[in-house]
Amino acid sequence: MPGITEERKLKLTENKLKYFIKIFSFDHKMKSWRNGRNVHSVPFLVGGTEFEFEIYPNGSNKESRGHVSFFLVNKSEWDVNVEVEVQVGKKIVSDTCVISSKESSGLADLYGHDDLRKDNDAMDDDGSLAVSATISLIWGEVTEERNKSEKDEVEGLKIKFESLEDNLVSKMARLDKSLTAKFKALEVSSKKSSLPGPECPICFEEMKPPTRIIQCRSGHLICQQCKERPQVVICPTCKQEFTGRAFGMENYLKTILD
């Protein structure tokens, strides 16, 4: 209950759970609350069965006034057999019982007020009470409602699994397509990078993009860096003069090598 309790749980096995609940200002509630008024826990599951605790600071009825009462409520649609161990301070009480659907079982006189106040391990200095309970589900009645509930749960899980499977297949297909495209691009890139470019007859370096290429009247090629040397005034191959940039060759090399 928000603002009244602090709760946590520890799952021990599929059919066994330990629940901790701290009730704030419990000492004040023992003095001021009428009998029959309770603090209840947040509902929780043990082995697929829903339970909750009811704790009465001043007894669950007139006969238990002056005592703390504790009850375990079966909120499910089927009967259950449970073993319950409750600890309040130094006091530990255990019981095995059958709880019918929507019914409860417990102790109306779990702890007398006077004895509780003498138990130094039960309440904090601010009057808050700490209770722990271990619930072991021995069996749960198989009813038509429970069968339907479990079948619906299985069907829901099946639909969820199929949806996840479809989603995974779709993602795998997209990933495969993406990887195939990347591998093809790498293959093309690898092939391009392995192609030789034309060689400058002066420096013997390959003239690959972005090298600027100069041509002579006969179409022989040299790199611009070599053309800018003062001693290079004519084509070293045919001795004819240079006509300028070989833009056609540069563009062609970009196409096949880039």
C-alpha atoms as a PDB file:
ATOM      1  CA  MET A   1       0.000   0.000   0.000  1.00  0.00           C
ATOM      2  CA  PRO A   2       1.712   3.245  -1.148  1.00  0.00           C
ATOM      3  CA  GLY A   3       2.823   5.447   1.747  1.00  0.00           C
ATOM      4  CA  ILE A   4       1.883   2.812   4.347  1.00  0.00           C
ATOM      5  CA  THR A   5       4.165  -0.108   3.506  1.00  0.00           C
ATOM      6  CA  GLU A   6       7.506  -0.936   1.966  1.00  0.00           C
ATOM      7  CA  GLU A   7       7.524  -4.343   0.263  1.00  0.00           C
ATOM      8  CA  ARG A   8       9.906  -6.656  -1.559  1.00  0.00           C
ATOM      9  CA  LYS A   9       9.949 -10.325  -2.526  1.00  0.00           C
ATOM     10  CA  LEU A  10      12.528 -13.021  -3.125  1.00  0.00           C
ATOM     11  CA  LYS A  11      11.721 -15.929  -5.436  1.00  0.00           C
ATOM     12  CA  LEU A  12      13.315 -19.069  -3.977  1.00  0.00           C
ATOM     13  CA  THR A  13      11.923 -21.658  -6.435  1.00  0.00           C
ATOM     14  CA  GLU A  14       9.073 -21.818  -8.935  1.00  0.00           C
ATOM     15  CA  ASN A  15       6.645 -22.684  -6.107  1.00  0.00           C
ATOM     16  CA  LYS A  16       8.303 -20.944  -3.170  1.00  0.00           C
ATOM     17  CA  LEU A  17       8.631 -17.267  -2.335  1.00  0.00           C
ATOM     18  CA  LYS A  18       9.747 -15.136   0.597  1.00  0.00           C
ATOM     19  CA  TYR A  19       7.900 -11.853   1.092  1.00  0.00           C
ATOM     20  CA  PHE A  20       9.034  -8.910   3.199  1.00  0.00           C
ATOM     21  CA  ILE A  21       6.696  -6.146   4.293  1.00  0.00           C
ATOM     22  CA  LYS A  22       7.424  -3.175   6.534  1.00  0.00           C
ATOM     23  CA  ILE A  23       4.427  -1.270   7.901  1.00  0.00           C
ATOM     24  CA  PHE A  24       5.142   2.302   8.899  1.00  0.00           C
ATOM     25  CA  SER A  25       3.829   3.790  12.198  1.00  0.00           C
ATOM     26  CA  PHE A  26       2.530   0.385  13.226  1.00  0.00           C
ATOM     27  CA  ASP A  27       2.687   1.215  16.949  1.00  0.00           C
ATOM     28  CA  HIS A  28       0.331   4.131  16.340  1.00  0.00           C
ATOM     29  CA  LYS A  29      -2.009   1.917  14.298  1.00  0.00           C
ATOM     30  CA  MET A  30      -2.190  -0.622  17.152  1.00  0.00           C
ATOM     31  CA  LYS A  31      -3.446   2.145  19.451  1.00  0.00           C
ATOM     32  CA  SER A  32      -5.742   4.050  17.118  1.00  0.00           C
ATOM     33  CA  TRP A  33      -7.200   1.605  14.575  1.00  0.00           C
ATOM     34  CA  ARG A  34     -10.418  -0.219  15.293  1.00  0.00           C
ATOM     35  CA  ASN A  35     -10.381  -3.994  15.140  1.00  0.00           C
ATOM     36  CA  GLY A  36     -11.196  -5.340  11.650  1.00  0.00           C
ATOM     37  CA  ARG A  37      -9.223  -2.618   9.853  1.00  0.00           C
ATOM     38  CA  ASN A  38      -6.279  -4.064   7.936  1.00  0.00           C
ATOM     39  CA  VAL A  39      -3.183  -3.298   5.917  1.00  0.00           C
ATOM     40  CA  HIS A  40      -2.888  -5.452   2.806  1.00  0.00           C
ATOM     41  CA  SER A  41       0.122  -6.193   0.653  1.00  0.00           C
ATOM     42  CA  VAL A  42       0.454  -5.823  -3.075  1.00  0.00           C
ATOM     43  CA  PRO A  43      -0.857  -9.033  -4.758  1.00  0.00           C
ATOM     44  CA  PHE A  44       1.910 -11.482  -5.717  1.00  0.00           C
ATOM     45  CA  LEU A  45       2.256 -14.820  -7.508  1.00  0.00           C
ATOM     46  CA  VAL A  46       3.580 -18.150  -6.258  1.00  0.00           C
ATOM     47  CA  GLY A  47       3.550 -20.948  -8.847  1.00  0.00           C
ATOM     48  CA  GLY A  48       0.909 -19.163 -10.926  1.00  0.00           C
ATOM     49  CA  THR A  49      -1.430 -18.629  -7.931  1.00  0.00           C
ATOM     50  CA  GLU A  50      -2.203 -15.087  -6.780  1.00  0.00           C
ATOM     51  CA  PHE A  51      -2.005 -14.216  -3.078  1.00  0.00           C
ATOM     52  CA  GLU A  52      -1.931 -11.211  -0.778  1.00  0.00           C
ATOM     53  CA  PHE A  53      -1.392 -10.605   2.940  1.00  0.00           C
ATOM     54  CA  GLU A  54      -3.828  -8.969   5.327  1.00  0.00           C
ATOM     55  CA  ILE A  55      -2.368  -7.674   8.592  1.00  0.00           C
ATOM     56  CA  TYR A  56      -4.678  -6.294  11.285  1.00  0.00           C
ATOM     57  CA  PRO A  57      -2.889  -4.002  13.802  1.00  0.00           C
ATOM     58  CA  ASN A  58      -5.680  -4.327  16.385  1.00  0.00           C
ATOM     59  CA  GLY A  59      -7.159  -7.730  15.613  1.00  0.00           C
ATOM     60  CA  SER A  60      -9.403  -9.009  12.860  1.00  0.00           C
ATOM     61  CA  ASN A  61     -12.478  -9.179  15.140  1.00  0.00           C
ATOM     62  CA  LYS A  62     -13.631  -8.293  18.659  1.00  0.00           C
ATOM     63  CA  GLU A  63     -12.224 -11.497  20.128  1.00  0.00           C
ATOM     64  CA  SER A  64      -8.724 -10.737  18.787  1.00  0.00           C
ATOM     65  CA  ARG A  65      -8.657  -7.071  19.885  1.00  0.00           C
ATOM     66  CA  GLY A  66      -5.274  -6.275  21.436  1.00  0.00           C
ATOM     67  CA  HIS A  67      -3.498  -8.685  19.105  1.00  0.00           C
ATOM     68  CA  VAL A  68      -1.890  -8.464  15.691  1.00  0.00           C
ATOM     69  CA  SER A  69      -3.705 -10.702  13.199  1.00  0.00           C
ATOM     70  CA  PHE A  70      -2.139 -12.136  10.063  1.00  0.00           C
ATOM     71  CA  PHE A  71      -3.930 -13.788   7.108  1.00  0.00           C
ATOM     72  CA  LEU A  72      -2.894 -15.119   3.707  1.00  0.00           C
ATOM     73  CA  VAL A  73      -5.580 -14.554   1.051  1.00  0.00           C
ATOM     74  CA  ASN A  74      -5.990 -16.850  -1.976  1.00  0.00           C
ATOM     75  CA  LYS A  75      -7.111 -14.456  -4.736  1.00  0.00           C
ATOM     76  CA  SER A  76      -7.167 -17.106  -7.483  1.00  0.00           C
ATOM     77  CA  GLU A  77     -10.089 -19.087  -8.884  1.00  0.00           C
ATOM     78  CA  TRP A  78      -8.892 -22.424  -7.466  1.00  0.00           C
ATOM     79  CA  ASP A  79      -8.185 -24.002  -4.092  1.00  0.00           C
ATOM     80  CA  VAL A  80      -4.584 -24.396  -2.936  1.00  0.00           C
ATOM     81  CA  ASN A  81      -2.576 -26.236  -0.314  1.00  0.00           C
ATOM     82  CA  VAL A  82       0.232 -24.088   1.091  1.00  0.00           C
ATOM     83  CA  GLU A  83       2.868 -24.120   3.783  1.00  0.00           C
ATOM     84  CA  VAL A  84       3.364 -20.715   5.403  1.00  0.00           C
ATOM     85  CA  GLU A  85       6.061 -19.569   7.812  1.00  0.00           C
ATOM     86  CA  VAL A  86       5.619 -16.101   9.335  1.00  0.00           C
ATOM     87  CA  GLN A  87       8.250 -14.235  11.322  1.00  0.00           C
ATOM     88  CA  VAL A  88       7.630 -11.120  13.414  1.00  0.00           C
ATOM     89  CA  GLY A  89      10.650 -10.189  15.496  1.00  0.00           C
ATOM     90  CA  LYS A  90      11.702 -13.245  17.490  1.00  0.00           C
ATOM     91  CA  LYS A  91       8.373 -15.007  16.943  1.00  0.00           C
ATOM     92  CA  ILE A  92       8.149 -17.609  14.146  1.00  0.00           C
ATOM     93  CA  VAL A  93       4.889 -19.409  13.352  1.00  0.00           C
ATOM     94  CA  SER A  94       4.374 -22.006  10.620  1.00  0.00           C
ATOM     95  CA  ASP A  95       1.331 -23.861   9.320  1.00  0.00           C
ATOM     96  CA  THR A  96       0.193 -26.021   6.418  1.00  0.00           C
ATOM     97  CA  CYS A  97      -3.346 -25.453   5.230  1.00  0.00           C
ATOM     98  CA  VAL A  98      -5.802 -25.635   2.346  1.00  0.00           C
ATOM     99  CA  ILE A  99      -7.170 -22.246   1.300  1.00  0.00           C
ATOM    100  CA  SER A 100     -10.278 -22.176  -0.857  1.00  0.00           C
ATOM    101  CA  SER A 101     -10.642 -19.776  -3.765  1.00  0.00           C
ATOM    102  CA  LYS A 102     -11.170 -16.153  -2.578  1.00  0.00           C
ATOM    103  CA  GLU A 103     -10.774 -17.249   1.047  1.00  0.00           C
ATOM    104  CA  SER A 104      -8.041 -16.639   3.637  1.00  0.00           C
ATOM    105  CA  SER A 105      -6.248 -18.517   6.385  1.00  0.00           C
ATOM    106  CA  GLY A 106      -4.093 -17.302   9.249  1.00  0.00           C
ATOM    107  CA  LEU A 107      -3.874 -16.391  12.907  1.00  0.00           C
ATOM    108  CA  ALA A 108      -6.182 -13.892  14.573  1.00  0.00           C
ATOM    109  CA  ASP A 109      -3.921 -13.776  17.641  1.00  0.00           C
ATOM    110  CA  LEU A 110      -0.490 -13.886  16.027  1.00  0.00           C
ATOM    111  CA  TYR A 111       1.108 -11.507  18.520  1.00  0.00           C
ATOM    112  CA  GLY A 112      -0.301  -9.737  21.584  1.00  0.00           C
ATOM    113  CA  HIS A 113       0.394  -6.002  21.760  1.00  0.00           C
ATOM    114  CA  ASP A 114       2.221  -6.180  25.091  1.00  0.00           C
ATOM    115  CA  ASP A 115       4.456  -9.051  23.967  1.00  0.00           C
ATOM    116  CA  LEU A 116       5.123  -7.348  20.644  1.00  0.00           C
ATOM    117  CA  ARG A 117       6.331  -4.137  22.330  1.00  0.00           C
ATOM    118  CA  LYS A 118       8.739  -6.177  24.461  1.00  0.00           C
ATOM    119  CA  ASP A 119      10.244  -7.799  21.350  1.00  0.00           C
ATOM    120  CA  ASN A 120      13.160  -5.516  20.446  1.00  0.00           C
ATOM    121  CA  ASP A 121      13.545  -7.197  17.018  1.00  0.00           C
ATOM    122  CA  ALA A 122       9.943  -6.564  15.945  1.00  0.00           C
ATOM    123  CA  MET A 123       9.595  -2.783  15.655  1.00  0.00           C
ATOM    124  CA  ASP A 124      11.973   0.029  14.737  1.00  0.00           C
ATOM    125  CA  ASP A 125      12.509   3.097  16.892  1.00  0.00           C
ATOM    126  CA  ASP A 126       9.918   4.932  14.785  1.00  0.00           C
ATOM    127  CA  GLY A 127       7.305   2.245  15.509  1.00  0.00           C
ATOM    128  CA  SER A 128       7.433   0.509  12.120  1.00  0.00           C
ATOM    129  CA  LEU A 129       6.814  -3.250  12.044  1.00  0.00           C
ATOM    130  CA  ALA A 130       8.778  -5.697   9.890  1.00  0.00           C
ATOM    131  CA  VAL A 131       7.104  -8.977   8.858  1.00  0.00           C
ATOM    132  CA  SER A 132       8.505 -11.718   6.648  1.00  0.00           C
ATOM    133  CA  ALA A 133       6.632 -14.742   5.334  1.00  0.00           C
ATOM    134  CA  THR A 134       7.745 -17.739   3.296  1.00  0.00           C
ATOM    135  CA  ILE A 135       5.002 -19.314   1.167  1.00  0.00           C
ATOM    136  CA  SER A 136       5.434 -22.758  -0.388  1.00  0.00           C
ATOM    137  CA  LEU A 137       2.756 -23.905  -2.823  1.00  0.00           C
ATOM    138  CA  ILE A 138       2.218 -27.652  -2.332  1.00  0.00           C
ATOM    139  CA  TRP A 139      -0.570 -28.055  -4.855  1.00  0.00           C
ATOM    140  CA  GLY A 140      -3.192 -26.044  -6.658  1.00  0.00           C
ATOM    141  CA  GLU A 141      -6.580 -27.397  -7.695  1.00  0.00           C
ATOM    142  CA  VAL A 142      -6.986 -27.857 -11.433  1.00  0.00           C
ATOM    143  CA  THR A 143     -10.206 -26.105 -12.405  1.00  0.00           C
ATOM    144  CA  GLU A 144     -11.787 -25.270 -15.729  1.00  0.00           C
ATOM    145  CA  GLU A 145     -10.962 -21.617 -15.097  1.00  0.00           C
ATOM    146  CA  ARG A 146      -7.330 -22.419 -14.331  1.00  0.00           C
ATOM    147  CA  ASN A 147      -7.090 -24.721 -17.354  1.00  0.00           C
ATOM    148  CA  LYS A 148      -8.464 -21.942 -19.532  1.00  0.00           C
ATOM    149  CA  SER A 149      -6.099 -19.416 -17.956  1.00  0.00           C
ATOM    150  CA  GLU A 150      -3.067 -21.624 -18.549  1.00  0.00           C
ATOM    151  CA  LYS A 151      -4.171 -22.450 -22.098  1.00  0.00           C
ATOM    152  CA  ASP A 152      -4.623 -18.736 -22.806  1.00  0.00           C
ATOM    153  CA  GLU A 153      -1.173 -18.066 -21.382  1.00  0.00           C
ATOM    154  CA  VAL A 154       0.381 -20.806 -23.543  1.00  0.00           C
ATOM    155  CA  GLU A 155      -1.472 -19.521 -26.606  1.00  0.00           C
ATOM    156  CA  GLY A 156      -0.297 -15.993 -25.825  1.00  0.00           C
ATOM    157  CA  LEU A 157       3.298 -17.175 -25.519  1.00  0.00           C
ATOM    158  CA  LYS A 158       2.956 -19.115 -28.779  1.00  0.00           C
ATOM    159  CA  ILE A 159       1.697 -16.020 -30.614  1.00  0.00           C
ATOM    160  CA  LYS A 160       4.473 -13.933 -29.072  1.00  0.00           C
ATOM    161  CA  PHE A 161       7.080 -16.526 -30.085  1.00  0.00           C
ATOM    162  CA  GLU A 162       5.755 -16.682 -33.656  1.00  0.00           C
ATOM    163  CA  SER A 163       5.840 -12.896 -33.851  1.00  0.00           C
ATOM    164  CA  LEU A 164       9.431 -12.846 -32.582  1.00  0.00           C
ATOM    165  CA  GLU A 165      10.334 -15.593 -35.061  1.00  0.00           C
ATOM    166  CA  ASP A 166       8.813 -13.655 -37.987  1.00  0.00           C
ATOM    167  CA  ASN A 167      10.588 -10.513 -36.838  1.00  0.00           C
ATOM    168  CA  LEU A 168      13.900 -12.377 -36.580  1.00  0.00           C
ATOM    169  CA  VAL A 169      13.500 -13.911 -40.059  1.00  0.00           C
ATOM    170  CA  SER A 170      12.711 -10.463 -41.482  1.00  0.00           C
ATOM    171  CA  LYS A 171      15.744  -8.931 -39.799  1.00  0.00           C
ATOM    172  CA  MET A 172      17.973 -11.793 -40.973  1.00  0.00           C
ATOM    173  CA  ALA A 173      16.760 -11.301 -44.545  1.00  0.00           C
ATOM    174  CA  ARG A 174      17.492  -7.564 -44.404  1.00  0.00           C
ATOM    175  CA  LEU A 175      20.899  -8.231 -42.862  1.00  0.00           C
ATOM    176  CA  ASP A 176      21.709 -10.815 -45.546  1.00  0.00           C
ATOM    177  CA  LYS A 177      20.703  -8.369 -48.278  1.00  0.00           C
ATOM    178  CA  SER A 178      22.782  -5.609 -46.712  1.00  0.00           C
ATOM    179  CA  LEU A 179      25.847  -7.834 -46.285  1.00  0.00           C
ATOM    180  CA  THR A 180      25.542  -9.147 -49.853  1.00  0.00           C
ATOM    181  CA  ALA A 181      25.472  -5.571 -51.182  1.00  0.00           C
ATOM    182  CA  LYS A 182      28.473  -4.624 -49.060  1.00  0.00           C
ATOM    183  CA  PHE A 183      30.461  -7.672 -50.167  1.00  0.00           C
ATOM    184  CA  LYS A 184      29.694  -6.910 -53.816  1.00  0.00           C
ATOM    185  CA  ALA A 185      30.785  -3.305 -53.312  1.00  0.00           C
ATOM    186  CA  LEU A 186      34.007  -4.494 -51.656  1.00  0.00           C
ATOM    187  CA  GLU A 187      34.588  -6.972 -54.480  1.00  0.00           C
ATOM    188  CA  VAL A 188      34.147  -4.261 -57.129  1.00  0.00           C
ATOM    189  CA  SER A 189      36.335  -1.893 -55.121  1.00  0.00           C
ATOM    190  CA  SER A 190      38.998  -4.587 -54.767  1.00  0.00           C
ATOM    191  CA  LYS A 191      38.947  -5.294 -58.491  1.00  0.00           C
ATOM    192  CA  LYS A 192      39.234  -1.600 -59.292  1.00  0.00           C
ATOM    193  CA  SER A 193      42.105  -1.053 -56.872  1.00  0.00           C
ATOM    194  CA  SER A 194      44.039  -3.964 -58.444  1.00  0.00           C
ATOM    195  CA  LEU A 195      43.840  -2.560 -61.984  1.00  0.00           C
ATOM    196  CA  PRO A 196      47.103  -0.927 -63.147  1.00  0.00           C
ATOM    197  CA  GLY A 197      47.130   2.671 -64.295  1.00  0.00           C
ATOM    198  CA  PRO A 198      49.233   3.966 -67.215  1.00  0.00           C
ATOM    199  CA  GLU A 199      52.875   4.519 -66.297  1.00  0.00           C
ATOM    200  CA  CYS A 200      54.648   7.846 -66.705  1.00  0.00           C
ATOM    201  CA  PRO A 201      57.718   7.225 -68.940  1.00  0.00           C
ATOM    202  CA  ILE A 202      59.793   9.718 -66.917  1.00  0.00           C
ATOM    203  CA  CYS A 203      59.168   8.917 -63.223  1.00  0.00           C
ATOM    204  CA  PHE A 204      57.736   5.421 -63.883  1.00  0.00           C
ATOM    205  CA  GLU A 205      54.897   6.040 -61.383  1.00  0.00           C
ATOM    206  CA  GLU A 206      51.356   4.860 -62.153  1.00  0.00           C
ATOM    207  CA  MET A 207      49.102   7.700 -63.152  1.00  0.00           C
ATOM    208  CA  LYS A 208      46.003   6.952 -61.140  1.00  0.00           C
ATOM    209  CA  PRO A 209      43.377   9.497 -60.042  1.00  0.00           C
ATOM    210  CA  PRO A 210      43.786  12.234 -58.929  1.00  0.00           C
ATOM    211  CA  THR A 211      47.022  12.526 -60.918  1.00  0.00           C
ATOM    212  CA  ARG A 212      46.824  15.146 -63.662  1.00  0.00           C
ATOM    213  CA  ILE A 213      47.953  13.771 -67.028  1.00  0.00           C
ATOM    214  CA  ILE A 214      49.529  15.648 -69.948  1.00  0.00           C
ATOM    215  CA  GLN A 215      49.514  14.410 -73.560  1.00  0.00           C
ATOM    216  CA  CYS A 216      51.556  15.168 -76.664  1.00  0.00           C
ATOM    217  CA  ARG A 217      50.388  15.499 -80.284  1.00  0.00           C
ATOM    218  CA  SER A 218      50.784  11.754 -80.781  1.00  0.00           C
ATOM    219  CA  GLY A 219      48.775  10.915 -77.677  1.00  0.00           C
ATOM    220  CA  HIS A 220      51.660   9.860 -75.442  1.00  0.00           C
ATOM    221  CA  LEU A 221      51.127  10.524 -71.762  1.00  0.00           C
ATOM    222  CA  ILE A 222      53.217  11.859 -68.861  1.00  0.00           C
ATOM    223  CA  CYS A 223      52.241  13.116 -65.404  1.00  0.00           C
ATOM    224  CA  GLN A 224      51.922  16.852 -64.834  1.00  0.00           C
ATOM    225  CA  GLN A 225      54.567  16.776 -62.108  1.00  0.00           C
ATOM    226  CA  CYS A 226      57.148  15.578 -64.609  1.00  0.00           C
ATOM    227  CA  LYS A 227      55.892  18.028 -67.278  1.00  0.00           C
ATOM    228  CA  GLU A 228      56.646  20.895 -64.891  1.00  0.00           C
ATOM    229  CA  ARG A 229      60.329  19.952 -64.739  1.00  0.00           C
ATOM    230  CA  PRO A 230      62.352  22.643 -66.645  1.00  0.00           C
ATOM    231  CA  GLN A 231      64.251  20.072 -68.666  1.00  0.00           C
ATOM    232  CA  VAL A 232      61.075  18.367 -69.983  1.00  0.00           C
ATOM    233  CA  VAL A 233      59.993  20.436 -72.994  1.00  0.00           C
ATOM    234  CA  ILE A 234      59.037  17.731 -75.500  1.00  0.00           C
ATOM    235  CA  CYS A 235      57.572  14.214 -75.383  1.00  0.00           C
ATOM    236  CA  PRO A 236      60.312  11.756 -74.371  1.00  0.00           C
ATOM    237  CA  THR A 237      58.725   9.095 -76.600  1.00  0.00           C
ATOM    238  CA  CYS A 238      58.169  10.849 -79.937  1.00  0.00           C
ATOM    239  CA  LYS A 239      59.953  14.207 -79.406  1.00  0.00           C
ATOM    240  CA  GLN A 240      56.780  16.170 -80.310  1.00  0.00           C
ATOM    241  CA  GLU A 241      55.415  19.068 -78.249  1.00  0.00           C
ATOM    242  CA  PHE A 242      52.745  18.706 -75.571  1.00  0.00           C
ATOM    243  CA  THR A 243      49.207  19.820 -76.321  1.00  0.00           C
ATOM    244  CA  GLY A 244      47.786  20.015 -72.753  1.00  0.00           C
ATOM    245  CA  ARG A 245      45.750  18.019 -70.267  1.00  0.00           C
ATOM    246  CA  ALA A 246      44.475  14.565 -71.250  1.00  0.00           C
ATOM    247  CA  PHE A 247      41.013  15.090 -69.756  1.00  0.00           C
ATOM    248  CA  GLY A 248      39.563  12.135 -71.627  1.00  0.00           C
ATOM    249  CA  MET A 249      42.114   9.748 -70.156  1.00  0.00           C
ATOM    250  CA  GLU A 250      41.719  11.224 -66.640  1.00  0.00           C
ATOM    251  CA  ASN A 251      37.943  10.741 -66.762  1.00  0.00           C
ATOM    252  CA  TYR A 252      38.310   7.208 -68.099  1.00  0.00           C
ATOM    253  CA  LEU A 253      40.738   6.277 -65.318  1.00  0.00           C
ATOM    254  CA  LYS A 254      38.335   7.724 -62.716  1.00  0.00           C
ATOM    255  CA  THR A 255      35.586   5.502 -64.096  1.00  0.00           C
ATOM    256  CA  ILE A 256      37.524   2.252 -63.903  1.00  0.00           C
ATOM    257  CA  LEU A 257      39.767   2.904 -60.883  1.00  0.00           C
ATOM    258  CA  ASP A 258      37.754   5.032 -58.416  1.00  0.00           C
END
